[in-house]
Amino acid sequence: QVQLVESGGGEVQAGGSLRLSCKISPSISSMNTVGWYRQAPGKRRDVVALIPFGGTPYYVDSVKGRITIAKDEVQNMLYLEMNSPKPDDTAIYFCYANTMWGQRWGQGTQCTVSS
């Protein structure tokens, strides 16, 4: 059974930094694609960054240069590092996996960026 469990959300001031973590079970290497989505209040859920299996990371234009996605295949962890976040980055962030059994989501973690 695929499980995605996020941690690391909270409140951060604009210009600071924040790292989100996601524990992926059974193993991150068994996933076709892993990544992060986010949903701001009153808006739809949108992609932030993705890592295809054996591929290079993809970032939505609005976060390029400020957000880094990384994975640890030994620890089965996925990370999202936010540097110099903006108030517009405030959202619920969801860990995501595209697996052989379908798409899976974590429960989400709230990230609030204050000005």
N, C-alpha and C. Protein backbone atom coordinates (compact mmCIF):
# COMPACT_ATOMS: atom_id res chain seq x y z
N GLN A 1 0.85 -1.18 0.00
CA GLN A 1 0.00 0.00 0.00
C GLN A 1 0.89 1.24 0.00
N VAL A 2 0.57 2.19 -0.87
CA VAL A 2 1.36 3.40 -0.96
C VAL A 2 0.91 4.38 0.12
N GLN A 3 1.87 4.93 0.82
CA GLN A 3 1.58 5.96 1.83
C GLN A 3 2.54 7.12 1.66
N LEU A 4 2.01 8.31 1.77
CA LEU A 4 2.79 9.53 1.68
C LEU A 4 2.49 10.36 2.92
N VAL A 5 3.50 10.70 3.70
CA VAL A 5 3.28 11.43 4.94
C VAL A 5 4.19 12.65 4.97
N GLU A 6 3.56 13.82 4.90
CA GLU A 6 4.32 15.07 4.89
C GLU A 6 4.62 15.55 6.31
N SER A 7 5.65 16.37 6.40
CA SER A 7 5.98 17.06 7.64
C SER A 7 6.78 18.31 7.29
N GLY A 8 6.89 19.21 8.27
CA GLY A 8 7.75 20.38 8.08
C GLY A 8 7.05 21.67 7.74
N GLY A 9 5.74 21.65 7.63
CA GLY A 9 5.04 22.89 7.35
C GLY A 9 5.04 23.82 8.55
N GLY A 10 4.49 24.99 8.37
CA GLY A 10 4.42 25.96 9.46
C GLY A 10 4.42 27.37 8.91
N GLU A 11 4.81 28.29 9.76
CA GLU A 11 4.84 29.70 9.35
C GLU A 11 6.27 30.16 9.23
N VAL A 12 6.52 30.93 8.18
CA VAL A 12 7.85 31.48 7.94
C VAL A 12 7.69 32.90 7.42
N GLN A 13 8.65 33.74 7.71
CA GLN A 13 8.61 35.10 7.19
C GLN A 13 9.14 35.14 5.76
N ALA A 14 8.62 36.04 4.98
CA ALA A 14 9.12 36.21 3.62
C ALA A 14 10.62 36.46 3.66
N GLY A 15 11.33 35.79 2.75
CA GLY A 15 12.77 35.92 2.72
C GLY A 15 13.50 34.90 3.56
N GLY A 16 12.76 34.14 4.34
CA GLY A 16 13.37 33.10 5.17
C GLY A 16 13.57 31.82 4.38
N SER A 17 13.42 30.69 5.07
CA SER A 17 13.53 29.40 4.39
C SER A 17 12.69 28.38 5.13
N LEU A 18 12.28 27.36 4.38
CA LEU A 18 11.44 26.31 4.94
C LEU A 18 11.67 25.04 4.15
N ARG A 19 11.73 23.92 4.84
CA ARG A 19 11.90 22.64 4.15
C ARG A 19 10.75 21.70 4.51
N LEU A 20 10.14 21.16 3.49
CA LEU A 20 9.09 20.16 3.66
C LEU A 20 9.68 18.78 3.39
N SER A 21 9.17 17.80 4.13
CA SER A 21 9.62 16.42 3.96
C SER A 21 8.41 15.53 3.70
N CYS A 22 8.66 14.44 2.99
CA CYS A 22 7.60 13.46 2.72
C CYS A 22 8.21 12.07 2.80
N LYS A 23 7.67 11.27 3.70
CA LYS A 23 8.09 9.87 3.80
C LYS A 23 7.22 9.06 2.85
N ILE A 24 7.85 8.35 1.92
CA ILE A 24 7.13 7.59 0.90
C ILE A 24 7.30 6.09 1.14
N SER A 25 6.17 5.39 1.19
CA SER A 25 6.18 3.94 1.35
C SER A 25 5.43 3.30 0.19
N PRO A 26 5.84 2.11 -0.29
CA PRO A 26 6.91 1.27 0.23
C PRO A 26 8.31 1.74 -0.12
N SER A 27 8.50 2.30 -1.32
CA SER A 27 9.82 2.80 -1.67
C SER A 27 9.70 3.85 -2.76
N ILE A 28 10.50 4.88 -2.68
CA ILE A 28 10.43 5.97 -3.66
C ILE A 28 10.87 5.49 -5.03
N SER A 29 11.74 4.50 -5.07
CA SER A 29 12.24 4.02 -6.36
C SER A 29 11.18 3.24 -7.14
N SER A 30 10.09 2.85 -6.47
CA SER A 30 9.02 2.12 -7.15
C SER A 30 8.00 3.06 -7.79
N MET A 31 8.18 4.36 -7.60
CA MET A 31 7.24 5.34 -8.12
C MET A 31 7.67 5.83 -9.51
N ASN A 32 6.69 6.06 -10.39
CA ASN A 32 7.00 6.60 -11.71
C ASN A 32 7.45 8.05 -11.63
N THR A 33 6.72 8.82 -10.84
CA THR A 33 7.02 10.23 -10.65
C THR A 33 6.65 10.61 -9.23
N VAL A 34 7.46 11.43 -8.59
CA VAL A 34 7.11 11.98 -7.28
C VAL A 34 7.23 13.49 -7.36
N GLY A 35 6.55 14.16 -6.45
CA GLY A 35 6.64 15.61 -6.51
C GLY A 35 5.77 16.28 -5.46
N TRP A 36 5.59 17.57 -5.66
CA TRP A 36 4.81 18.39 -4.74
C TRP A 36 3.79 19.22 -5.52
N TYR A 37 2.59 19.29 -4.97
CA TYR A 37 1.55 20.18 -5.44
C TYR A 37 1.20 21.11 -4.30
N ARG A 38 0.47 22.18 -4.63
CA ARG A 38 -0.02 23.06 -3.57
C ARG A 38 -1.38 23.63 -3.93
N GLN A 39 -2.12 23.98 -2.89
CA GLN A 39 -3.44 24.56 -3.08
C GLN A 39 -3.59 25.76 -2.17
N ALA A 40 -3.69 26.92 -2.78
CA ALA A 40 -3.89 28.16 -2.03
C ALA A 40 -5.38 28.33 -1.75
N PRO A 41 -5.74 29.14 -0.76
CA PRO A 41 -7.15 29.35 -0.43
C PRO A 41 -7.95 29.82 -1.64
N GLY A 42 -9.04 29.13 -1.94
CA GLY A 42 -9.91 29.51 -3.03
C GLY A 42 -9.40 29.17 -4.41
N LYS A 43 -8.28 28.44 -4.48
CA LYS A 43 -7.71 28.10 -5.79
C LYS A 43 -7.62 26.59 -5.95
N ARG A 44 -7.35 26.15 -7.17
CA ARG A 44 -7.23 24.72 -7.43
C ARG A 44 -5.84 24.23 -7.03
N ARG A 45 -5.70 22.93 -6.92
CA ARG A 45 -4.41 22.33 -6.62
C ARG A 45 -3.55 22.34 -7.88
N ASP A 46 -2.34 22.86 -7.75
CA ASP A 46 -1.44 23.00 -8.91
C ASP A 46 -0.07 22.41 -8.60
N VAL A 47 0.61 21.98 -9.63
CA VAL A 47 1.94 21.41 -9.47
C VAL A 47 2.94 22.48 -9.07
N VAL A 48 3.89 22.09 -8.22
CA VAL A 48 5.00 22.95 -7.84
C VAL A 48 6.28 22.41 -8.48
N ALA A 49 6.57 21.14 -8.24
CA ALA A 49 7.78 20.52 -8.77
C ALA A 49 7.58 19.01 -8.83
N LEU A 50 8.23 18.39 -9.83
CA LEU A 50 8.13 16.94 -10.03
C LEU A 50 9.50 16.36 -10.34
N ILE A 51 9.70 15.11 -9.96
CA ILE A 51 10.88 14.37 -10.38
C ILE A 51 10.43 13.06 -11.00
N PRO A 52 10.56 12.91 -12.32
CA PRO A 52 10.24 11.62 -12.95
C PRO A 52 11.31 10.60 -12.61
N PHE A 53 10.96 9.33 -12.61
CA PHE A 53 11.95 8.29 -12.34
C PHE A 53 13.05 8.35 -13.40
N GLY A 54 14.28 8.53 -12.96
CA GLY A 54 15.41 8.59 -13.89
C GLY A 54 15.48 9.87 -14.70
N GLY A 55 14.64 10.85 -14.37
CA GLY A 55 14.61 12.09 -15.13
C GLY A 55 15.07 13.29 -14.32
N THR A 56 14.96 14.44 -14.93
CA THR A 56 15.40 15.67 -14.28
C THR A 56 14.20 16.39 -13.67
N PRO A 57 14.42 17.14 -12.62
CA PRO A 57 13.32 17.84 -11.97
C PRO A 57 12.64 18.86 -12.88
N TYR A 58 11.36 19.00 -12.68
CA TYR A 58 10.56 20.02 -13.35
C TYR A 58 10.04 20.98 -12.30
N TYR A 59 10.09 22.28 -12.62
CA TYR A 59 9.56 23.31 -11.71
C TYR A 59 8.59 24.21 -12.48
N VAL A 60 7.51 24.56 -11.81
CA VAL A 60 6.62 25.55 -12.41
C VAL A 60 7.37 26.89 -12.44
N ASP A 61 7.10 27.69 -13.43
CA ASP A 61 7.88 28.93 -13.64
C ASP A 61 7.89 29.83 -12.41
N SER A 62 6.78 29.89 -11.70
CA SER A 62 6.67 30.84 -10.59
C SER A 62 7.59 30.52 -9.42
N VAL A 63 8.17 29.32 -9.37
CA VAL A 63 9.03 28.96 -8.24
C VAL A 63 10.48 28.72 -8.65
N LYS A 64 10.77 28.78 -9.93
CA LYS A 64 12.14 28.52 -10.39
C LYS A 64 13.13 29.47 -9.73
N GLY A 65 14.21 28.91 -9.25
CA GLY A 65 15.24 29.70 -8.60
C GLY A 65 15.02 29.89 -7.12
N ARG A 66 13.83 29.56 -6.62
CA ARG A 66 13.52 29.75 -5.20
C ARG A 66 13.22 28.44 -4.48
N ILE A 67 12.83 27.43 -5.22
CA ILE A 67 12.43 26.16 -4.64
C ILE A 67 13.23 25.04 -5.27
N THR A 68 13.65 24.10 -4.43
CA THR A 68 14.43 22.94 -4.89
C THR A 68 13.77 21.66 -4.41
N ILE A 69 13.58 20.73 -5.34
CA ILE A 69 13.05 19.41 -4.99
C ILE A 69 14.19 18.41 -4.99
N ALA A 70 14.17 17.50 -4.04
CA ALA A 70 15.23 16.49 -3.95
C ALA A 70 14.66 15.22 -3.35
N LYS A 71 15.29 14.10 -3.66
CA LYS A 71 14.83 12.83 -3.10
C LYS A 71 16.01 12.04 -2.56
N ASP A 72 15.74 11.23 -1.56
CA ASP A 72 16.72 10.34 -0.96
C ASP A 72 16.16 8.93 -1.11
N GLU A 73 16.72 8.16 -2.05
CA GLU A 73 16.16 6.84 -2.33
C GLU A 73 16.55 5.81 -1.28
N VAL A 74 17.51 6.11 -0.45
CA VAL A 74 17.87 5.19 0.63
C VAL A 74 16.88 5.33 1.79
N GLN A 75 16.57 6.58 2.14
CA GLN A 75 15.64 6.85 3.23
C GLN A 75 14.19 6.93 2.77
N ASN A 76 13.96 6.86 1.44
CA ASN A 76 12.61 6.98 0.87
C ASN A 76 11.95 8.28 1.30
N MET A 77 12.71 9.36 1.15
CA MET A 77 12.23 10.67 1.52
C MET A 77 12.24 11.60 0.31
N LEU A 78 11.26 12.47 0.27
CA LEU A 78 11.17 13.51 -0.74
C LEU A 78 11.17 14.84 -0.01
N TYR A 79 11.90 15.81 -0.54
CA TYR A 79 12.03 17.11 0.11
C TYR A 79 11.66 18.25 -0.84
N LEU A 80 11.23 19.33 -0.22
CA LEU A 80 11.01 20.57 -0.96
C LEU A 80 11.60 21.69 -0.13
N GLU A 81 12.64 22.30 -0.67
CA GLU A 81 13.32 23.39 0.03
C GLU A 81 12.86 24.71 -0.57
N MET A 82 12.33 25.57 0.29
CA MET A 82 11.88 26.89 -0.17
C MET A 82 12.80 27.96 0.38
N ASN A 83 13.45 28.68 -0.50
CA ASN A 83 14.32 29.80 -0.12
C ASN A 83 13.68 31.10 -0.57
N SER A 84 13.75 32.09 0.30
CA SER A 84 13.12 33.38 0.03
C SER A 84 11.67 33.23 -0.40
N PRO A 85 10.87 32.52 0.39
CA PRO A 85 9.46 32.37 0.01
C PRO A 85 8.74 33.71 0.06
N LYS A 86 7.65 33.77 -0.69
CA LYS A 86 6.83 34.97 -0.76
C LYS A 86 5.46 34.68 -0.16
N PRO A 87 4.72 35.72 0.24
CA PRO A 87 3.36 35.47 0.73
C PRO A 87 2.50 34.69 -0.26
N ASP A 88 2.75 34.84 -1.56
CA ASP A 88 2.00 34.09 -2.56
C ASP A 88 2.27 32.58 -2.51
N ASP A 89 3.31 32.18 -1.81
CA ASP A 89 3.61 30.75 -1.65
C ASP A 89 2.76 30.11 -0.55
N THR A 90 1.99 30.91 0.16
CA THR A 90 1.12 30.37 1.21
C THR A 90 0.11 29.42 0.62
N ALA A 91 0.08 28.19 1.13
CA ALA A 91 -0.80 27.16 0.59
C ALA A 91 -0.68 25.91 1.43
N ILE A 92 -1.56 24.96 1.14
CA ILE A 92 -1.39 23.60 1.65
C ILE A 92 -0.55 22.86 0.61
N TYR A 93 0.54 22.26 1.06
CA TYR A 93 1.44 21.55 0.16
C TYR A 93 1.20 20.05 0.30
N PHE A 94 1.07 19.39 -0.86
CA PHE A 94 0.77 17.96 -0.90
C PHE A 94 1.91 17.20 -1.57
N CYS A 95 2.31 16.15 -0.93
CA CYS A 95 3.25 15.21 -1.54
C CYS A 95 2.47 14.36 -2.54
N TYR A 96 3.10 14.02 -3.65
CA TYR A 96 2.41 13.34 -4.75
C TYR A 96 3.27 12.22 -5.30
N ALA A 97 2.60 11.14 -5.69
CA ALA A 97 3.30 10.05 -6.36
C ALA A 97 2.41 9.47 -7.46
N ASN A 98 3.00 9.25 -8.60
CA ASN A 98 2.33 8.55 -9.69
C ASN A 98 2.89 7.13 -9.69
N THR A 99 2.05 6.17 -9.37
CA THR A 99 2.52 4.80 -9.16
C THR A 99 1.83 3.87 -10.13
N MET A 100 2.26 2.62 -10.12
CA MET A 100 1.64 1.60 -10.97
C MET A 100 0.21 1.32 -10.53
N TRP A 101 -0.13 1.78 -9.31
CA TRP A 101 -1.49 1.57 -8.80
C TRP A 101 -2.35 2.83 -8.95
N GLY A 102 -1.77 3.86 -9.53
CA GLY A 102 -2.51 5.11 -9.71
C GLY A 102 -1.84 6.26 -8.99
N GLN A 103 -2.51 7.41 -8.98
CA GLN A 103 -1.97 8.60 -8.32
C GLN A 103 -2.29 8.56 -6.83
N ARG A 104 -1.33 9.00 -6.04
CA ARG A 104 -1.51 9.04 -4.60
C ARG A 104 -1.09 10.40 -4.07
N TRP A 105 -1.76 10.82 -2.97
CA TRP A 105 -1.49 12.11 -2.34
C TRP A 105 -1.29 11.95 -0.85
N GLY A 106 -0.48 12.81 -0.29
CA GLY A 106 -0.39 12.89 1.16
C GLY A 106 -1.56 13.69 1.70
N GLN A 107 -1.58 13.85 3.01
CA GLN A 107 -2.70 14.55 3.65
C GLN A 107 -2.54 16.06 3.56
N GLY A 108 -1.36 16.53 3.21
CA GLY A 108 -1.11 17.95 3.07
C GLY A 108 -0.54 18.57 4.33
N THR A 109 0.25 19.61 4.13
CA THR A 109 0.82 20.35 5.26
C THR A 109 0.73 21.85 4.94
N GLN A 110 0.26 22.62 5.91
CA GLN A 110 0.03 24.04 5.71
C GLN A 110 1.34 24.81 5.81
N CYS A 111 1.60 25.65 4.82
CA CYS A 111 2.74 26.55 4.85
C CYS A 111 2.23 27.98 4.70
N THR A 112 2.56 28.80 5.67
CA THR A 112 2.12 30.19 5.66
C THR A 112 3.33 31.11 5.64
N VAL A 113 3.39 31.98 4.65
CA VAL A 113 4.49 32.93 4.52
C VAL A 113 3.97 34.31 4.87
N SER A 114 4.51 34.89 5.92
CA SER A 114 4.06 36.21 6.37
C SER A 114 4.99 37.29 5.84
N SER A 115 4.40 38.45 5.56
CA SER A 115 5.20 39.55 5.01
C SER A 115 5.80 40.40 6.10
